[in-house]
Structures are given as C-alpha cells and as structure tokens.
C-alpha cells in the first residue's frame, strides 16, 4: 500500500543586500557647476534620476552646494509624473521623502540628507526637488551654461539628469520658476542585489490528513510523481526513495 505524502512547499525568502555605494558629484569633471546662482531663501532645485540598470537602486544621500557657513533645513521631494516643467511641490504630483537639518560650510558640496533609503526601481525615472530654508544655490543661467547635463558611473546605467535635459519636451532643472537651472551637489546610491521571494509553482491537490506521512520538500533532489488514479491526486511516489531503507532505488510503498 502506498503511503500518503505530506508535500510541503519550502518558501524561499531572499534578502536584499545593498552593494558598494556610488556617489555622483556634479562639481567633479564638469564645467560651469560653480554654485554661484540662486533663487533665494526658502526655495528648491530639481533634478532627475534615471535607473536603466539591471537592478533596483537605493538613494541614500544627497549633498548640496553652500555659499555660506550656516545651518539650514533641507527637504527632499520626488515625483513620478512631473518629470519636466514647472514644479508645485504639492500632492498628488509630489511627495516628501526626507527632511533634516544640516550644518554646512561655505563653497563646497555639503552632505545635507543621509539615510534616505529611497528605492528607484529598474527602468524608472523619478524627478526630485531639494528644498532649502536657506539660500538655494545652484548653477547656470540657461541652456548650455553647464556641462555635462548627465552624470553616470561608467557602465552603471544610472543617470543623474540635470538642467537643460528635457523629458516630455520640458526642462528637468528648475530653480523655483527659473529654468533651466543646474543642481549643484551630489547623490549617493547603492545597487540592491537580490530580488523578491522565489515563486514555486503549485502542486495538484493532495490529501495530507491521513497517516503514515512522509514530508518532502519541493525543490529537493527527489523527483515526485503522481501515481494516483483518484481525482484528488492523493498518492505520490518519490523516485529514488526506498520506504524501508530511506534511500536507494525506488520501491513501491
């Protein structure tokens, strides 16, 4: 007589691991990113991040150029719909994702927000607005006044889009209403390794309330075949399993 097998699906939980961080700084290897323009206090500058890599990325830190040593509050917003053109910073188009106070020094890019941990999925472009309660410094006065307008780590597929880059025929970079203007600062991100839970295809219905039972893990080295003539698919055989010795050639139970 055949045993009733208790078929168990082992749920595979995969963890996401952040790989080494990458920082893109617009003042390095560029022309015109001097931070000498501004839309005044209590304003913002926009930029976009395009993820054309083969994995999700995690935006962790943002830096910004400062013209004076001071302490300001910075707030980061993002939009998945307002990728170019005028900016409202209001729902539903814009969502706040981070805020914090930073003490900065003059004439450099200072870290202003850290531990953001905001996921940008594969194949997605988000636009960001960095709001500053102090002087909102940026660069450029129009098209072509800062180059390049795209920053990327070689071979990464992750692009920082600035200023006169257009999406949908409209500029990405706005300093309040001034455009195109060029974010002068840095972003830091990590590539997220790993994916979602492993999906195991379902097995046909089976009865598991009878005894004796054997437990077999799906995706184990054993091959499970249904040999039941019943509609409920209750009886299963394990190829390569001997009911008595627990190994060796297949034997009927």
C-alpha atoms as a PDB file:
ATOM      1  CA  UNK A   1       0.000   0.000   0.000  1.00  0.00           C
ATOM      2  CA  UNK A   2       1.273   3.442  -0.818  1.00  0.00           C
ATOM      3  CA  UNK A   3       1.983   5.971   1.887  1.00  0.00           C
ATOM      4  CA  UNK A   4       0.315   9.338   1.892  1.00  0.00           C
ATOM      5  CA  UNK A   5       2.937  12.001   1.257  1.00  0.00           C
ATOM      6  CA  UNK A   6       2.789  15.323   3.001  1.00  0.00           C
ATOM      7  CA  UNK A   7       4.006  17.678   0.274  1.00  0.00           C
ATOM      8  CA  UNK A   8       5.449  20.850   1.712  1.00  0.00           C
ATOM      9  CA  UNK A   9       6.400  23.964  -0.230  1.00  0.00           C
ATOM     10  CA  UNK A  10       9.526  25.484   1.239  1.00  0.00           C
ATOM     11  CA  UNK A  11       9.100  29.218   0.914  1.00  0.00           C
ATOM     12  CA  UNK A  12      12.348  30.742  -0.256  1.00  0.00           C
ATOM     13  CA  UNK A  13      12.910  34.136   1.322  1.00  0.00           C
ATOM     14  CA  UNK A  14      15.507  36.251  -0.413  1.00  0.00           C
ATOM     15  CA  UNK A  15      17.097  39.213   1.290  1.00  0.00           C
ATOM     16  CA  UNK A  16      18.007  42.454  -0.424  1.00  0.00           C
ATOM     17  CA  UNK A  17      21.630  43.437   0.025  1.00  0.00           C
ATOM     18  CA  UNK A  18      22.989  46.868  -0.863  1.00  0.00           C
ATOM     19  CA  UNK A  19      26.249  46.687  -2.782  1.00  0.00           C
ATOM     20  CA  UNK A  20      29.027  49.284  -2.663  1.00  0.00           C
ATOM     21  CA  UNK A  21      27.856  52.875  -2.761  1.00  0.00           C
ATOM     22  CA  UNK A  22      28.281  55.157  -5.778  1.00  0.00           C
ATOM     23  CA  UNK A  23      28.468  58.945  -5.478  1.00  0.00           C
ATOM     24  CA  UNK A  24      27.908  61.307  -8.399  1.00  0.00           C
ATOM     25  CA  UNK A  25      29.130  64.849  -7.726  1.00  0.00           C
ATOM     26  CA  UNK A  26      28.288  67.493 -10.310  1.00  0.00           C
ATOM     27  CA  UNK A  27      31.320  69.634  -9.457  1.00  0.00           C
ATOM     28  CA  UNK A  28      33.759  66.878 -10.471  1.00  0.00           C
ATOM     29  CA  UNK A  29      34.729  66.501 -14.139  1.00  0.00           C
ATOM     30  CA  UNK A  30      32.390  69.274 -15.239  1.00  0.00           C
ATOM     31  CA  UNK A  31      32.281  72.878 -16.414  1.00  0.00           C
ATOM     32  CA  UNK A  32      30.111  75.664 -15.023  1.00  0.00           C
ATOM     33  CA  UNK A  33      28.953  73.949 -11.818  1.00  0.00           C
ATOM     34  CA  UNK A  34      30.132  76.759  -9.552  1.00  0.00           C
ATOM     35  CA  UNK A  35      27.039  77.236  -7.367  1.00  0.00           C
ATOM     36  CA  UNK A  36      27.026  80.960  -7.994  1.00  0.00           C
ATOM     37  CA  UNK A  37      23.354  81.288  -8.972  1.00  0.00           C
ATOM     38  CA  UNK A  38      20.386  81.171  -6.623  1.00  0.00           C
ATOM     39  CA  UNK A  39      16.624  81.566  -6.351  1.00  0.00           C
ATOM     40  CA  UNK A  40      16.971  82.974  -2.826  1.00  0.00           C
ATOM     41  CA  UNK A  41      15.980  81.561   0.539  1.00  0.00           C
ATOM     42  CA  UNK A  42      13.137  79.097   1.024  1.00  0.00           C
ATOM     43  CA  UNK A  43      13.330  77.646  -2.481  1.00  0.00           C
ATOM     44  CA  UNK A  44      14.310  74.488  -4.366  1.00  0.00           C
ATOM     45  CA  UNK A  45      16.272  72.996  -7.257  1.00  0.00           C
ATOM     46  CA  UNK A  46      15.192  69.947  -9.250  1.00  0.00           C
ATOM     47  CA  UNK A  47      16.999  67.035 -10.880  1.00  0.00           C
ATOM     48  CA  UNK A  48      16.066  63.555 -12.090  1.00  0.00           C
ATOM     49  CA  UNK A  49      17.494  60.087 -11.564  1.00  0.00           C
ATOM     50  CA  UNK A  50      17.031  57.515 -14.311  1.00  0.00           C
ATOM     51  CA  UNK A  51      17.566  53.859 -13.439  1.00  0.00           C
ATOM     52  CA  UNK A  52      18.433  51.953 -16.602  1.00  0.00           C
ATOM     53  CA  UNK A  53      20.463  49.382 -14.688  1.00  0.00           C
ATOM     54  CA  UNK A  54      19.582  45.719 -14.211  1.00  0.00           C
ATOM     55  CA  UNK A  55      18.644  46.137 -10.535  1.00  0.00           C
ATOM     56  CA  UNK A  56      16.749  48.401  -8.184  1.00  0.00           C
ATOM     57  CA  UNK A  57      18.834  51.166  -6.639  1.00  0.00           C
ATOM     58  CA  UNK A  58      18.636  52.745  -3.205  1.00  0.00           C
ATOM     59  CA  UNK A  59      19.092  56.519  -2.977  1.00  0.00           C
ATOM     60  CA  UNK A  60      20.807  57.030   0.376  1.00  0.00           C
ATOM     61  CA  UNK A  61      22.331  60.535   0.470  1.00  0.00           C
ATOM     62  CA  UNK A  62      22.051  63.953  -1.146  1.00  0.00           C
ATOM     63  CA  UNK A  63      24.572  66.781  -0.988  1.00  0.00           C
ATOM     64  CA  UNK A  64      24.188  70.426  -1.979  1.00  0.00           C
ATOM     65  CA  UNK A  65      26.467  73.365  -2.706  1.00  0.00           C
ATOM     66  CA  UNK A  66      26.542  76.012   0.025  1.00  0.00           C
ATOM     67  CA  UNK A  67      27.677  79.587  -0.415  1.00  0.00           C
ATOM     68  CA  UNK A  68      27.986  80.322   3.323  1.00  0.00           C
ATOM     69  CA  UNK A  69      28.588  78.513   6.585  1.00  0.00           C
ATOM     70  CA  UNK A  70      25.191  78.110   8.204  1.00  0.00           C
ATOM     71  CA  UNK A  71      22.566  75.652   9.423  1.00  0.00           C
ATOM     72  CA  UNK A  72      19.535  75.006   7.233  1.00  0.00           C
ATOM     73  CA  UNK A  73      16.660  72.570   6.954  1.00  0.00           C
ATOM     74  CA  UNK A  74      16.556  70.535   3.753  1.00  0.00           C
ATOM     75  CA  UNK A  75      13.581  68.595   2.422  1.00  0.00           C
ATOM     76  CA  UNK A  76      13.596  66.167  -0.478  1.00  0.00           C
ATOM     77  CA  UNK A  77      10.521  65.553  -2.623  1.00  0.00           C
ATOM     78  CA  UNK A  78      10.029  63.181  -5.535  1.00  0.00           C
ATOM     79  CA  UNK A  79       7.606  62.847  -8.421  1.00  0.00           C
ATOM     80  CA  UNK A  80       6.902  60.018 -10.841  1.00  0.00           C
ATOM     81  CA  UNK A  81       4.646  62.197 -13.005  1.00  0.00           C
ATOM     82  CA  UNK A  82       6.126  65.718 -13.038  1.00  0.00           C
ATOM     83  CA  UNK A  83       9.367  64.801 -14.803  1.00  0.00           C
ATOM     84  CA  UNK A  84       9.808  68.147 -16.556  1.00  0.00           C
ATOM     85  CA  UNK A  85       8.378  71.665 -16.446  1.00  0.00           C
ATOM     86  CA  UNK A  86       7.029  73.775 -13.606  1.00  0.00           C
ATOM     87  CA  UNK A  87       7.037  72.452 -10.060  1.00  0.00           C
ATOM     88  CA  UNK A  88       4.313  72.719  -7.406  1.00  0.00           C
ATOM     89  CA  UNK A  89       5.724  70.517  -4.595  1.00  0.00           C
ATOM     90  CA  UNK A  90       2.136  69.594  -3.725  1.00  0.00           C
ATOM     91  CA  UNK A  91       0.212  66.322  -3.797  1.00  0.00           C
ATOM     92  CA  UNK A  92      -0.650  64.302  -5.754  1.00  0.00           C
ATOM     93  CA  UNK A  93       2.289  65.051  -8.063  1.00  0.00           C
ATOM     94  CA  UNK A  94       4.934  65.497  -5.366  1.00  0.00           C
ATOM     95  CA  UNK A  95       5.665  63.516  -2.210  1.00  0.00           C
ATOM     96  CA  UNK A  96       8.058  64.358   0.616  1.00  0.00           C
ATOM     97  CA  UNK A  97      10.516  61.531   1.314  1.00  0.00           C
ATOM     98  CA  UNK A  98      13.151  63.041   3.640  1.00  0.00           C
ATOM     99  CA  UNK A  99      13.874  66.091   5.758  1.00  0.00           C
ATOM    100  CA  UNK A 100      16.609  67.136   8.142  1.00  0.00           C
ATOM    101  CA  UNK A 101      18.808  69.931   9.418  1.00  0.00           C
ATOM    102  CA  UNK A 102      22.390  70.217   8.230  1.00  0.00           C
ATOM    103  CA  UNK A 103      25.246  72.443   9.340  1.00  0.00           C
ATOM    104  CA  UNK A 104      27.250  73.363   6.264  1.00  0.00           C
ATOM    105  CA  UNK A 105      30.487  75.111   5.348  1.00  0.00           C
ATOM    106  CA  UNK A 106      30.999  77.574   2.526  1.00  0.00           C
ATOM    107  CA  UNK A 107      31.953  76.982  -1.103  1.00  0.00           C
ATOM    108  CA  UNK A 108      31.737  73.190  -1.228  1.00  0.00           C
ATOM    109  CA  UNK A 109      29.182  70.441  -1.708  1.00  0.00           C
ATOM    110  CA  UNK A 110      27.986  69.503   1.779  1.00  0.00           C
ATOM    111  CA  UNK A 111      26.099  66.372   2.777  1.00  0.00           C
ATOM    112  CA  UNK A 112      22.639  67.606   3.703  1.00  0.00           C
ATOM    113  CA  UNK A 113      20.438  64.495   3.810  1.00  0.00           C
ATOM    114  CA  UNK A 114      21.553  60.972   4.683  1.00  0.00           C
ATOM    115  CA  UNK A 115      19.872  57.657   5.394  1.00  0.00           C
ATOM    116  CA  UNK A 116      17.173  58.395   2.832  1.00  0.00           C
ATOM    117  CA  UNK A 117      16.919  54.767   1.657  1.00  0.00           C
ATOM    118  CA  UNK A 118      14.522  55.503  -1.179  1.00  0.00           C
ATOM    119  CA  UNK A 119      14.130  52.779  -3.807  1.00  0.00           C
ATOM    120  CA  UNK A 120      14.217  53.643  -7.511  1.00  0.00           C
ATOM    121  CA  UNK A 121      13.026  50.553  -9.400  1.00  0.00           C
ATOM    122  CA  UNK A 122      14.525  49.135 -12.576  1.00  0.00           C
ATOM    123  CA  UNK A 123      13.526  51.107 -15.675  1.00  0.00           C
ATOM    124  CA  UNK A 124      12.070  54.050 -13.729  1.00  0.00           C
ATOM    125  CA  UNK A 125      12.865  57.770 -13.816  1.00  0.00           C
ATOM    126  CA  UNK A 126      11.967  59.960 -10.842  1.00  0.00           C
ATOM    127  CA  UNK A 127      12.346  63.698 -10.547  1.00  0.00           C
ATOM    128  CA  UNK A 128      13.478  65.170  -7.256  1.00  0.00           C
ATOM    129  CA  UNK A 129      13.227  68.614  -5.698  1.00  0.00           C
ATOM    130  CA  UNK A 130      15.641  69.644  -2.954  1.00  0.00           C
ATOM    131  CA  UNK A 131      14.094  72.406  -0.830  1.00  0.00           C
ATOM    132  CA  UNK A 132      16.320  74.573   1.334  1.00  0.00           C
ATOM    133  CA  UNK A 133      15.183  77.009   4.038  1.00  0.00           C
ATOM    134  CA  UNK A 134      18.453  78.875   3.470  1.00  0.00           C
ATOM    135  CA  UNK A 135      19.935  80.166   0.228  1.00  0.00           C
ATOM    136  CA  UNK A 136      19.056  77.808  -2.625  1.00  0.00           C
ATOM    137  CA  UNK A 137      22.324  77.705  -4.547  1.00  0.00           C
ATOM    138  CA  UNK A 138      22.691  76.128  -7.966  1.00  0.00           C
ATOM    139  CA  UNK A 139      24.450  76.824 -11.262  1.00  0.00           C
ATOM    140  CA  UNK A 140      23.760  78.032 -14.786  1.00  0.00           C
ATOM    141  CA  UNK A 141      21.693  80.739 -16.388  1.00  0.00           C
ATOM    142  CA  UNK A 142      20.245  78.888 -19.357  1.00  0.00           C
ATOM    143  CA  UNK A 143      20.768  76.228 -21.994  1.00  0.00           C
ATOM    144  CA  UNK A 144      24.344  75.010 -22.365  1.00  0.00           C
ATOM    145  CA  UNK A 145      25.771  77.056 -19.480  1.00  0.00           C
ATOM    146  CA  UNK A 146      26.791  73.930 -17.547  1.00  0.00           C
ATOM    147  CA  UNK A 147      28.195  70.720 -18.986  1.00  0.00           C
ATOM    148  CA  UNK A 148      27.600  67.860 -18.920  1.00  0.00           C
ATOM    149  CA  UNK A 149      23.900  67.678 -18.160  1.00  0.00           C
ATOM    150  CA  UNK A 150      24.067  63.931 -17.447  1.00  0.00           C
ATOM    151  CA  UNK A 151      26.293  62.237 -14.876  1.00  0.00           C
ATOM    152  CA  UNK A 152      26.757  58.492 -14.643  1.00  0.00           C
ATOM    153  CA  UNK A 153      29.211  55.950 -13.279  1.00  0.00           C
ATOM    154  CA  UNK A 154      30.708  54.020 -16.191  1.00  0.00           C
ATOM    155  CA  UNK A 155      28.624  51.004 -17.128  1.00  0.00           C
ATOM    156  CA  UNK A 156      26.110  51.542 -14.328  1.00  0.00           C
ATOM    157  CA  UNK A 157      23.024  52.532 -16.315  1.00  0.00           C
ATOM    158  CA  UNK A 158      22.111  55.024 -13.562  1.00  0.00           C
ATOM    159  CA  UNK A 159      21.918  58.609 -14.823  1.00  0.00           C
ATOM    160  CA  UNK A 160      21.696  61.886 -12.912  1.00  0.00           C
ATOM    161  CA  UNK A 161      19.798  64.247 -15.234  1.00  0.00           C
ATOM    162  CA  UNK A 162      20.164  67.993 -14.819  1.00  0.00           C
ATOM    163  CA  UNK A 163      19.314  71.427 -16.142  1.00  0.00           C
ATOM    164  CA  UNK A 164      18.540  71.550 -19.844  1.00  0.00           C
ATOM    165  CA  UNK A 165      17.858  67.817 -20.242  1.00  0.00           C
ATOM    166  CA  UNK A 166      14.282  67.549 -21.455  1.00  0.00           C
ATOM    167  CA  UNK A 167      11.652  64.948 -20.607  1.00  0.00           C
ATOM    168  CA  UNK A 168       8.392  65.250 -22.475  1.00  0.00           C
ATOM    169  CA  UNK A 169       9.701  68.393 -24.170  1.00  0.00           C
ATOM    170  CA  UNK A 170      10.244  70.237 -20.872  1.00  0.00           C
ATOM    171  CA  UNK A 171      13.365  71.005 -18.871  1.00  0.00           C
ATOM    172  CA  UNK A 172      14.205  68.845 -15.858  1.00  0.00           C
ATOM    173  CA  UNK A 173      16.117  71.517 -13.931  1.00  0.00           C
ATOM    174  CA  UNK A 174      14.086  74.256 -12.242  1.00  0.00           C
ATOM    175  CA  UNK A 175      15.339  76.636  -9.571  1.00  0.00           C
ATOM    176  CA  UNK A 176      11.885  77.650  -8.358  1.00  0.00           C
ATOM    177  CA  UNK A 177      10.472  79.191 -11.577  1.00  0.00           C
ATOM    178  CA  UNK A 178      13.884  79.824 -13.185  1.00  0.00           C
ATOM    179  CA  UNK A 179      14.802  77.353 -15.919  1.00  0.00           C
ATOM    180  CA  UNK A 180      16.802  75.589 -16.995  1.00  0.00           C
ATOM    181  CA  UNK A 181      18.945  75.602 -13.876  1.00  0.00           C
ATOM    182  CA  UNK A 182      21.516  73.026 -12.791  1.00  0.00           C
ATOM    183  CA  UNK A 183      21.549  71.185  -9.463  1.00  0.00           C
ATOM    184  CA  UNK A 184      24.989  71.606  -7.945  1.00  0.00           C
ATOM    185  CA  UNK A 185      25.591  68.843  -5.474  1.00  0.00           C
ATOM    186  CA  UNK A 186      25.779  65.084  -5.173  1.00  0.00           C
ATOM    187  CA  UNK A 187      23.728  61.938  -4.895  1.00  0.00           C
ATOM    188  CA  UNK A 188      24.802  58.637  -3.359  1.00  0.00           C
ATOM    189  CA  UNK A 189      23.111  55.362  -4.177  1.00  0.00           C
ATOM    190  CA  UNK A 190      23.602  51.625  -3.811  1.00  0.00           C
ATOM    191  CA  UNK A 191      22.619  48.845  -6.177  1.00  0.00           C
ATOM    192  CA  UNK A 192      20.194  46.483  -4.459  1.00  0.00           C
ATOM    193  CA  UNK A 193      21.248  42.879  -5.003  1.00  0.00           C
ATOM    194  CA  UNK A 194      18.702  40.082  -4.831  1.00  0.00           C
ATOM    195  CA  UNK A 195      15.090  40.002  -5.790  1.00  0.00           C
ATOM    196  CA  UNK A 196      11.711  39.126  -4.419  1.00  0.00           C
ATOM    197  CA  UNK A 197      10.640  35.791  -2.963  1.00  0.00           C
ATOM    198  CA  UNK A 198      11.157  32.746  -5.157  1.00  0.00           C
ATOM    199  CA  UNK A 199       7.878  31.573  -6.658  1.00  0.00           C
ATOM    200  CA  UNK A 200       7.274  27.830  -6.602  1.00  0.00           C
ATOM    201  CA  UNK A 201       4.577  26.543  -8.987  1.00  0.00           C
ATOM    202  CA  UNK A 202       1.618  24.998  -7.168  1.00  0.00           C
ATOM    203  CA  UNK A 203       1.223  21.230  -6.951  1.00  0.00           C
ATOM    204  CA  UNK A 204      -2.051  19.496  -7.726  1.00  0.00           C
ATOM    205  CA  UNK A 205      -4.377  18.943  -4.780  1.00  0.00           C
ATOM    206  CA  UNK A 206      -3.440  16.228  -2.351  1.00  0.00           C
ATOM    207  CA  UNK A 207      -4.683  14.703   0.907  1.00  0.00           C
ATOM    208  CA  UNK A 208      -2.423  15.163   3.914  1.00  0.00           C
ATOM    209  CA  UNK A 209      -4.605  14.265   6.877  1.00  0.00           C
ATOM    210  CA  UNK A 210      -4.005  10.521   6.763  1.00  0.00           C
ATOM    211  CA  UNK A 211      -1.155   8.594   8.329  1.00  0.00           C
ATOM    212  CA  UNK A 212       1.546   7.481   7.947  1.00  0.00           C
ATOM    213  CA  UNK A 213       3.027  10.551   6.218  1.00  0.00           C
ATOM    214  CA  UNK A 214       6.340  11.463   4.691  1.00  0.00           C
ATOM    215  CA  UNK A 215       7.430  15.094   4.339  1.00  0.00           C
ATOM    216  CA  UNK A 216       9.029  16.017   1.037  1.00  0.00           C
ATOM    217  CA  UNK A 217      10.409  19.472   0.288  1.00  0.00           C
ATOM    218  CA  UNK A 218       9.634  20.932  -3.089  1.00  0.00           C
ATOM    219  CA  UNK A 219      12.891  21.647  -4.959  1.00  0.00           C
ATOM    220  CA  UNK A 220      14.586  18.812  -3.084  1.00  0.00           C
ATOM    221  CA  UNK A 221      16.779  16.339  -5.037  1.00  0.00           C
ATOM    222  CA  UNK A 222      13.877  13.886  -5.058  1.00  0.00           C
ATOM    223  CA  UNK A 223      11.512  13.702  -8.011  1.00  0.00           C
ATOM    224  CA  UNK A 224       7.856  13.490  -7.033  1.00  0.00           C
ATOM    225  CA  UNK A 225       5.402  11.880  -9.416  1.00  0.00           C
ATOM    226  CA  UNK A 226       1.693  11.371  -9.017  1.00  0.00           C
ATOM    227  CA  UNK A 227       0.641   7.737  -9.488  1.00  0.00           C
ATOM    228  CA  UNK A 228      -2.859   8.037  -8.137  1.00  0.00           C
ATOM    229  CA  UNK A 229      -5.889   7.109 -10.177  1.00  0.00           C
ATOM    230  CA  UNK A 230      -8.083   9.137  -7.866  1.00  0.00           C
ATOM    231  CA  UNK A 231      -9.367  12.559  -8.751  1.00  0.00           C
ATOM    232  CA  UNK A 232      -7.997  14.005  -5.523  1.00  0.00           C
ATOM    233  CA  UNK A 233      -4.362  13.171  -6.531  1.00  0.00           C
ATOM    234  CA  UNK A 234      -3.719  11.824  -3.037  1.00  0.00           C
ATOM    235  CA  UNK A 235      -0.977   9.312  -3.761  1.00  0.00           C
ATOM    236  CA  UNK A 236       2.543  10.278  -4.813  1.00  0.00           C
ATOM    237  CA  UNK A 237       5.726   8.320  -5.387  1.00  0.00           C
ATOM    238  CA  UNK A 238       9.255   9.570  -4.800  1.00  0.00           C
ATOM    239  CA  UNK A 239      11.656   8.439  -7.479  1.00  0.00           C
ATOM    240  CA  UNK A 240      14.885   7.083  -5.977  1.00  0.00           C
ATOM    241  CA  UNK A 241      13.406   6.585  -2.498  1.00  0.00           C
ATOM    242  CA  UNK A 242      13.014   3.274  -0.713  1.00  0.00           C
ATOM    243  CA  UNK A 243      10.383   3.239   2.016  1.00  0.00           C
ATOM    244  CA  UNK A 244      12.346   0.823   4.188  1.00  0.00           C
ATOM    245  CA  UNK A 245      15.982   1.900   3.858  1.00  0.00           C
ATOM    246  CA  UNK A 246      15.157   5.590   3.226  1.00  0.00           C
ATOM    247  CA  UNK A 247      17.472   5.652   0.203  1.00  0.00           C
ATOM    248  CA  UNK A 248      18.472   3.570  -2.760  1.00  0.00           C
ATOM    249  CA  UNK A 249      16.312   2.513  -5.721  1.00  0.00           C
ATOM    250  CA  UNK A 250      12.623   3.224  -5.850  1.00  0.00           C
ATOM    251  CA  UNK A 251      10.351   0.691  -4.190  1.00  0.00           C
ATOM    252  CA  UNK A 252       6.586   0.799  -4.028  1.00  0.00           C
ATOM    253  CA  UNK A 253       5.264   1.659  -0.561  1.00  0.00           C
END
